[in-house]
Amino acid sequence: MNRTVKIIFIFWMMLVGSLCIVVWAQARDKQEIVNSMQNRYPALVQAKDQGHAGEAWNGLVGIVDDNVPGNVRELVNAENNDRRDLFQIIAAETGTSVQEVALQNRIRMYRLADEDHFVQDPDRNWVRKRDLQH
């Protein structure tokens, strides 16, 4: 092979190798995020049961009452960081926007919410799910 062909071949192999690493890292990161969210789930449900946190209009978790304990704020921040990362991964996998993934998550989480849990209405007010006007 001449020098130009060798350079192109080496570049191509580096590119393919990099893509394989990115795909492998993304799958590993997705599973880590899911595991993190599963581990946090009982505490998140407890915060929702206590009325401290709820499902926000943007597909994330929100603080319902500003006077929540610091550990609830940390919990909500950790959950939202994982959700944002997961939204990006799912958007890349499905070829859609992060905003669409977040919207679909809001719809899903509203459906799954207990009747006594807080959700945001279209005006971004916190209401119990049972009081949400459909």
N, C-alpha and C. Protein backbone atom coordinates (compact mmCIF):
# COMPACT_ATOMS: atom_id res chain seq x y z
N MET A 1 0.84 -1.18 0.00
CA MET A 1 0.00 0.00 0.00
C MET A 1 0.88 1.24 0.00
N ASN A 2 0.41 2.26 -0.71
CA ASN A 2 1.18 3.50 -0.68
C ASN A 2 0.85 4.26 0.60
N ARG A 3 1.60 5.27 0.84
CA ARG A 3 1.50 6.02 2.10
C ARG A 3 0.11 6.64 2.31
N THR A 4 -0.51 7.21 1.31
CA THR A 4 -1.83 7.84 1.42
C THR A 4 -2.89 6.81 1.80
N VAL A 5 -2.84 5.65 1.18
CA VAL A 5 -3.81 4.60 1.48
C VAL A 5 -3.63 4.13 2.92
N LYS A 6 -2.39 4.01 3.37
CA LYS A 6 -2.13 3.60 4.75
C LYS A 6 -2.69 4.62 5.74
N ILE A 7 -2.49 5.88 5.45
CA ILE A 7 -2.99 6.94 6.34
C ILE A 7 -4.51 6.91 6.38
N ILE A 8 -5.14 6.77 5.24
CA ILE A 8 -6.60 6.70 5.20
C ILE A 8 -7.08 5.47 5.96
N PHE A 9 -6.41 4.34 5.77
CA PHE A 9 -6.80 3.11 6.47
C PHE A 9 -6.67 3.28 7.99
N ILE A 10 -5.57 3.84 8.43
CA ILE A 10 -5.36 4.06 9.87
C ILE A 10 -6.41 5.02 10.42
N PHE A 11 -6.69 6.09 9.70
CA PHE A 11 -7.71 7.04 10.13
C PHE A 11 -9.07 6.36 10.24
N TRP A 12 -9.42 5.56 9.21
CA TRP A 12 -10.70 4.85 9.21
C TRP A 12 -10.80 3.91 10.40
N MET A 13 -9.75 3.17 10.71
CA MET A 13 -9.76 2.24 11.83
C MET A 13 -9.88 2.99 13.16
N MET A 14 -9.24 4.13 13.27
CA MET A 14 -9.35 4.93 14.48
C MET A 14 -10.78 5.44 14.65
N LEU A 15 -11.40 5.86 13.55
CA LEU A 15 -12.76 6.35 13.60
C LEU A 15 -13.73 5.24 14.01
N VAL A 16 -13.60 4.08 13.40
CA VAL A 16 -14.47 2.94 13.74
C VAL A 16 -14.24 2.54 15.19
N GLY A 17 -13.00 2.48 15.62
CA GLY A 17 -12.70 2.14 17.01
C GLY A 17 -13.29 3.14 17.98
N SER A 18 -13.21 4.41 17.65
CA SER A 18 -13.78 5.45 18.50
C SER A 18 -15.29 5.32 18.60
N LEU A 19 -15.94 5.05 17.48
CA LEU A 19 -17.39 4.87 17.50
C LEU A 19 -17.79 3.67 18.35
N CYS A 20 -17.04 2.59 18.26
CA CYS A 20 -17.33 1.41 19.07
C CYS A 20 -17.20 1.73 20.56
N ILE A 21 -16.18 2.49 20.92
CA ILE A 21 -15.98 2.88 22.31
C ILE A 21 -17.12 3.76 22.79
N VAL A 22 -17.55 4.70 21.94
CA VAL A 22 -18.65 5.59 22.31
C VAL A 22 -19.94 4.80 22.53
N VAL A 23 -20.25 3.87 21.62
CA VAL A 23 -21.46 3.06 21.76
C VAL A 23 -21.38 2.21 23.02
N TRP A 24 -20.24 1.59 23.29
CA TRP A 24 -20.08 0.77 24.49
C TRP A 24 -20.21 1.64 25.74
N ALA A 25 -19.57 2.80 25.75
CA ALA A 25 -19.63 3.69 26.93
C ALA A 25 -21.04 4.19 27.15
N GLN A 26 -21.76 4.48 26.07
CA GLN A 26 -23.12 4.99 26.21
C GLN A 26 -24.02 3.92 26.82
N ALA A 27 -23.90 2.68 26.37
CA ALA A 27 -24.73 1.60 26.93
C ALA A 27 -24.40 1.39 28.40
N ARG A 28 -23.13 1.44 28.74
CA ARG A 28 -22.71 1.28 30.13
C ARG A 28 -23.25 2.45 30.96
N ASP A 29 -23.15 3.64 30.45
CA ASP A 29 -23.66 4.81 31.17
C ASP A 29 -25.16 4.73 31.35
N LYS A 30 -25.87 4.28 30.35
CA LYS A 30 -27.32 4.15 30.45
C LYS A 30 -27.68 3.19 31.58
N GLN A 31 -27.00 2.06 31.63
CA GLN A 31 -27.30 1.09 32.68
C GLN A 31 -26.94 1.65 34.06
N GLU A 32 -25.84 2.37 34.15
CA GLU A 32 -25.47 2.99 35.42
C GLU A 32 -26.53 4.00 35.87
N ILE A 33 -27.05 4.77 34.94
CA ILE A 33 -28.08 5.75 35.26
C ILE A 33 -29.34 5.04 35.74
N VAL A 34 -29.74 4.02 35.02
CA VAL A 34 -30.94 3.27 35.41
C VAL A 34 -30.75 2.67 36.80
N ASN A 35 -29.60 2.09 37.06
CA ASN A 35 -29.33 1.52 38.39
C ASN A 35 -29.39 2.59 39.47
N SER A 36 -28.81 3.74 39.19
CA SER A 36 -28.82 4.84 40.15
C SER A 36 -30.26 5.27 40.45
N MET A 37 -31.07 5.37 39.41
CA MET A 37 -32.47 5.77 39.59
C MET A 37 -33.25 4.71 40.36
N GLN A 38 -32.99 3.45 40.08
CA GLN A 38 -33.67 2.37 40.81
C GLN A 38 -33.30 2.39 42.28
N ASN A 39 -32.04 2.64 42.58
CA ASN A 39 -31.60 2.70 43.97
C ASN A 39 -32.24 3.87 44.72
N ARG A 40 -32.48 4.95 44.02
CA ARG A 40 -33.03 6.16 44.61
C ARG A 40 -34.56 6.12 44.71
N TYR A 41 -35.19 5.26 43.97
CA TYR A 41 -36.64 5.24 43.83
C TYR A 41 -37.40 5.20 45.16
N PRO A 42 -37.04 4.34 46.11
CA PRO A 42 -37.80 4.33 47.38
C PRO A 42 -37.77 5.68 48.10
N ALA A 43 -36.63 6.33 48.12
CA ALA A 43 -36.53 7.64 48.78
C ALA A 43 -37.33 8.69 48.01
N LEU A 44 -37.35 8.59 46.68
CA LEU A 44 -38.12 9.54 45.87
C LEU A 44 -39.61 9.37 46.13
N VAL A 45 -40.07 8.14 46.21
CA VAL A 45 -41.49 7.89 46.50
C VAL A 45 -41.84 8.44 47.89
N GLN A 46 -40.94 8.25 48.83
CA GLN A 46 -41.18 8.77 50.18
C GLN A 46 -41.30 10.30 50.16
N ALA A 47 -40.43 10.97 49.41
CA ALA A 47 -40.50 12.43 49.30
C ALA A 47 -41.81 12.86 48.64
N LYS A 48 -42.27 12.09 47.68
CA LYS A 48 -43.55 12.40 47.04
C LYS A 48 -44.71 12.13 48.01
N ASP A 49 -44.63 11.02 48.75
CA ASP A 49 -45.67 10.71 49.74
C ASP A 49 -45.79 11.81 50.79
N GLN A 50 -44.66 12.41 51.14
CA GLN A 50 -44.65 13.46 52.16
C GLN A 50 -45.01 14.83 51.60
N GLY A 51 -45.22 14.89 50.28
CA GLY A 51 -45.60 16.16 49.65
C GLY A 51 -44.44 17.10 49.42
N HIS A 52 -43.22 16.61 49.52
CA HIS A 52 -42.04 17.46 49.31
C HIS A 52 -41.67 17.60 47.84
N ALA A 53 -41.92 16.56 47.07
CA ALA A 53 -41.51 16.54 45.66
C ALA A 53 -42.68 16.07 44.81
N GLY A 54 -42.64 16.46 43.55
CA GLY A 54 -43.68 16.04 42.61
C GLY A 54 -43.13 16.01 41.20
N GLU A 55 -43.97 15.57 40.29
CA GLU A 55 -43.59 15.50 38.88
C GLU A 55 -43.86 16.85 38.21
N ALA A 56 -42.81 17.44 37.69
CA ALA A 56 -42.91 18.76 37.08
C ALA A 56 -43.32 18.66 35.61
N TRP A 57 -43.78 19.78 35.08
CA TRP A 57 -44.27 19.88 33.71
C TRP A 57 -43.19 19.57 32.68
N ASN A 58 -41.91 19.76 33.04
CA ASN A 58 -40.81 19.58 32.10
C ASN A 58 -40.23 18.17 32.08
N GLY A 59 -40.89 17.22 32.76
CA GLY A 59 -40.40 15.84 32.77
C GLY A 59 -39.41 15.54 33.87
N LEU A 60 -39.11 16.54 34.67
CA LEU A 60 -38.19 16.37 35.80
C LEU A 60 -38.99 16.32 37.09
N VAL A 61 -38.30 16.16 38.20
CA VAL A 61 -38.92 16.19 39.52
C VAL A 61 -38.77 17.61 40.04
N GLY A 62 -39.78 18.10 40.74
CA GLY A 62 -39.71 19.44 41.29
C GLY A 62 -39.91 19.44 42.79
N ILE A 63 -39.42 20.49 43.41
CA ILE A 63 -39.63 20.73 44.84
C ILE A 63 -40.99 21.41 44.99
N VAL A 64 -41.90 20.81 45.73
CA VAL A 64 -43.24 21.35 45.89
C VAL A 64 -43.26 22.46 46.93
N ASP A 65 -42.53 22.27 48.01
CA ASP A 65 -42.51 23.21 49.13
C ASP A 65 -41.08 23.68 49.35
N ASP A 66 -40.86 24.97 49.37
CA ASP A 66 -39.50 25.50 49.54
C ASP A 66 -38.87 25.14 50.88
N ASN A 67 -39.67 24.74 51.85
CA ASN A 67 -39.15 24.42 53.18
C ASN A 67 -38.86 22.93 53.35
N VAL A 68 -38.32 22.30 52.33
CA VAL A 68 -38.02 20.87 52.42
C VAL A 68 -36.63 20.67 53.02
N PRO A 69 -36.41 19.53 53.64
CA PRO A 69 -35.07 19.24 54.17
C PRO A 69 -34.02 19.20 53.04
N GLY A 70 -32.80 19.47 53.41
CA GLY A 70 -31.71 19.48 52.44
C GLY A 70 -31.53 18.16 51.72
N ASN A 71 -31.78 17.06 52.42
CA ASN A 71 -31.60 15.76 51.77
C ASN A 71 -32.61 15.56 50.64
N VAL A 72 -33.78 16.19 50.74
CA VAL A 72 -34.77 16.09 49.66
C VAL A 72 -34.27 16.87 48.44
N ARG A 73 -33.69 18.02 48.68
CA ARG A 73 -33.12 18.80 47.57
C ARG A 73 -32.02 18.01 46.87
N GLU A 74 -31.16 17.37 47.64
CA GLU A 74 -30.09 16.55 47.07
C GLU A 74 -30.67 15.40 46.26
N LEU A 75 -31.71 14.78 46.80
CA LEU A 75 -32.39 13.68 46.13
C LEU A 75 -32.96 14.14 44.79
N VAL A 76 -33.67 15.26 44.80
CA VAL A 76 -34.27 15.79 43.58
C VAL A 76 -33.19 16.17 42.57
N ASN A 77 -32.13 16.80 43.02
CA ASN A 77 -31.04 17.17 42.11
C ASN A 77 -30.41 15.94 41.47
N ALA A 78 -30.16 14.90 42.27
CA ALA A 78 -29.55 13.68 41.74
C ALA A 78 -30.49 13.02 40.72
N GLU A 79 -31.78 12.97 41.04
CA GLU A 79 -32.76 12.37 40.12
C GLU A 79 -32.81 13.16 38.81
N ASN A 80 -32.85 14.47 38.91
CA ASN A 80 -32.93 15.29 37.70
C ASN A 80 -31.66 15.19 36.86
N ASN A 81 -30.51 15.12 37.49
CA ASN A 81 -29.27 14.94 36.73
C ASN A 81 -29.31 13.62 35.96
N ASP A 82 -29.77 12.56 36.62
CA ASP A 82 -29.88 11.27 35.93
C ASP A 82 -30.92 11.33 34.82
N ARG A 83 -32.05 11.96 35.09
CA ARG A 83 -33.08 12.05 34.05
C ARG A 83 -32.57 12.82 32.84
N ARG A 84 -31.89 13.93 33.07
CA ARG A 84 -31.36 14.70 31.93
C ARG A 84 -30.39 13.86 31.10
N ASP A 85 -29.49 13.16 31.78
CA ASP A 85 -28.54 12.31 31.06
C ASP A 85 -29.26 11.20 30.30
N LEU A 86 -30.25 10.60 30.93
CA LEU A 86 -31.01 9.54 30.28
C LEU A 86 -31.80 10.08 29.09
N PHE A 87 -32.38 11.27 29.24
CA PHE A 87 -33.11 11.88 28.12
C PHE A 87 -32.19 12.05 26.91
N GLN A 88 -30.96 12.48 27.15
CA GLN A 88 -30.01 12.68 26.04
C GLN A 88 -29.67 11.36 25.37
N ILE A 89 -29.46 10.33 26.17
CA ILE A 89 -29.12 9.02 25.60
C ILE A 89 -30.29 8.48 24.78
N ILE A 90 -31.50 8.56 25.34
CA ILE A 90 -32.68 8.06 24.63
C ILE A 90 -32.92 8.86 23.35
N ALA A 91 -32.74 10.16 23.42
CA ALA A 91 -32.92 10.99 22.22
C ALA A 91 -31.93 10.57 21.13
N ALA A 92 -30.69 10.32 21.50
CA ALA A 92 -29.68 9.89 20.53
C ALA A 92 -30.03 8.51 19.96
N GLU A 93 -30.51 7.63 20.81
CA GLU A 93 -30.87 6.28 20.36
C GLU A 93 -32.07 6.28 19.42
N THR A 94 -33.02 7.16 19.67
CA THR A 94 -34.27 7.16 18.90
C THR A 94 -34.30 8.19 17.78
N GLY A 95 -33.30 9.05 17.74
CA GLY A 95 -33.26 10.07 16.69
C GLY A 95 -34.30 11.16 16.88
N THR A 96 -34.66 11.42 18.12
CA THR A 96 -35.63 12.46 18.42
C THR A 96 -34.96 13.52 19.29
N SER A 97 -35.71 14.51 19.68
CA SER A 97 -35.14 15.58 20.49
C SER A 97 -35.21 15.25 21.97
N VAL A 98 -34.35 15.88 22.73
CA VAL A 98 -34.37 15.74 24.19
C VAL A 98 -35.69 16.26 24.73
N GLN A 99 -36.21 17.32 24.13
CA GLN A 99 -37.48 17.89 24.57
C GLN A 99 -38.63 16.89 24.39
N GLU A 100 -38.61 16.16 23.30
CA GLU A 100 -39.66 15.16 23.06
C GLU A 100 -39.55 14.01 24.06
N VAL A 101 -38.34 13.60 24.36
CA VAL A 101 -38.14 12.54 25.36
C VAL A 101 -38.65 13.02 26.72
N ALA A 102 -38.34 14.26 27.08
CA ALA A 102 -38.80 14.82 28.35
C ALA A 102 -40.32 14.89 28.39
N LEU A 103 -40.94 15.29 27.28
CA LEU A 103 -42.40 15.36 27.21
C LEU A 103 -43.01 13.97 27.41
N GLN A 104 -42.46 12.98 26.74
CA GLN A 104 -42.98 11.62 26.88
C GLN A 104 -42.78 11.11 28.31
N ASN A 105 -41.68 11.51 28.94
CA ASN A 105 -41.46 11.12 30.33
C ASN A 105 -42.50 11.78 31.24
N ARG A 106 -42.80 13.05 31.00
CA ARG A 106 -43.83 13.72 31.81
C ARG A 106 -45.15 12.98 31.69
N ILE A 107 -45.55 12.65 30.49
CA ILE A 107 -46.81 11.95 30.28
C ILE A 107 -46.81 10.62 31.04
N ARG A 108 -45.72 9.89 30.93
CA ARG A 108 -45.61 8.59 31.60
C ARG A 108 -45.63 8.74 33.12
N MET A 109 -44.87 9.70 33.63
CA MET A 109 -44.79 9.87 35.08
C MET A 109 -46.10 10.40 35.66
N TYR A 110 -46.82 11.23 34.93
CA TYR A 110 -48.13 11.69 35.38
C TYR A 110 -49.10 10.51 35.49
N ARG A 111 -49.06 9.63 34.49
CA ARG A 111 -49.94 8.46 34.52
C ARG A 111 -49.61 7.55 35.70
N LEU A 112 -48.33 7.43 36.02
CA LEU A 112 -47.90 6.54 37.10
C LEU A 112 -48.04 7.15 38.49
N ALA A 113 -48.21 8.46 38.55
CA ALA A 113 -48.27 9.13 39.86
C ALA A 113 -49.47 8.67 40.66
N ASP A 114 -49.26 8.52 41.97
CA ASP A 114 -50.38 8.23 42.87
C ASP A 114 -51.33 9.42 42.88
N GLU A 115 -52.57 9.16 43.19
CA GLU A 115 -53.59 10.22 43.21
C GLU A 115 -53.25 11.33 44.22
N ASP A 116 -52.53 10.99 45.29
CA ASP A 116 -52.19 11.99 46.32
C ASP A 116 -50.87 12.70 46.04
N HIS A 117 -50.13 12.28 45.02
CA HIS A 117 -48.86 12.93 44.71
C HIS A 117 -49.09 14.22 43.94
N PHE A 118 -48.13 15.12 44.07
CA PHE A 118 -48.21 16.40 43.37
C PHE A 118 -47.68 16.29 41.95
N VAL A 119 -48.36 16.98 41.05
CA VAL A 119 -47.92 17.18 39.66
C VAL A 119 -48.18 18.65 39.34
N GLN A 120 -47.52 19.12 38.30
CA GLN A 120 -47.78 20.50 37.88
C GLN A 120 -48.87 20.52 36.82
N ASP A 121 -49.77 21.48 36.94
CA ASP A 121 -50.80 21.66 35.93
C ASP A 121 -50.20 22.48 34.77
N PRO A 122 -50.97 22.69 33.70
CA PRO A 122 -50.41 23.44 32.56
C PRO A 122 -49.92 24.85 32.89
N ASP A 123 -50.44 25.43 33.99
CA ASP A 123 -49.98 26.75 34.42
C ASP A 123 -48.79 26.67 35.37
N ARG A 124 -48.27 25.47 35.57
CA ARG A 124 -47.10 25.19 36.43
C ARG A 124 -47.40 25.35 37.91
N ASN A 125 -48.67 25.21 38.29
CA ASN A 125 -49.05 25.20 39.70
C ASN A 125 -49.01 23.76 40.20
N TRP A 126 -48.62 23.59 41.46
CA TRP A 126 -48.61 22.26 42.05
C TRP A 126 -50.01 21.88 42.50
N VAL A 127 -50.49 20.74 42.04
CA VAL A 127 -51.80 20.22 42.43
C VAL A 127 -51.66 18.72 42.68
N ARG A 128 -52.53 18.20 43.53
CA ARG A 128 -52.59 16.75 43.68
C ARG A 128 -53.10 16.16 42.36
N LYS A 129 -52.58 15.01 42.00
CA LYS A 129 -52.99 14.40 40.74
C LYS A 129 -54.50 14.29 40.65
N ARG A 130 -55.14 13.91 41.75
CA ARG A 130 -56.61 13.74 41.74
C ARG A 130 -57.34 15.05 41.41
N ASP A 131 -56.67 16.20 41.61
CA ASP A 131 -57.28 17.50 41.36
C ASP A 131 -56.88 18.08 40.01
N LEU A 132 -56.07 17.36 39.27
CA LEU A 132 -55.61 17.84 37.96
C LEU A 132 -56.77 17.84 36.98
N GLN A 133 -57.02 18.96 36.35
CA GLN A 133 -58.08 19.05 35.33
C GLN A 133 -57.55 18.49 34.03
N HIS A 134 -58.22 17.50 33.52
CA HIS A 134 -57.76 16.84 32.28
C HIS A 134 -58.28 17.52 31.07
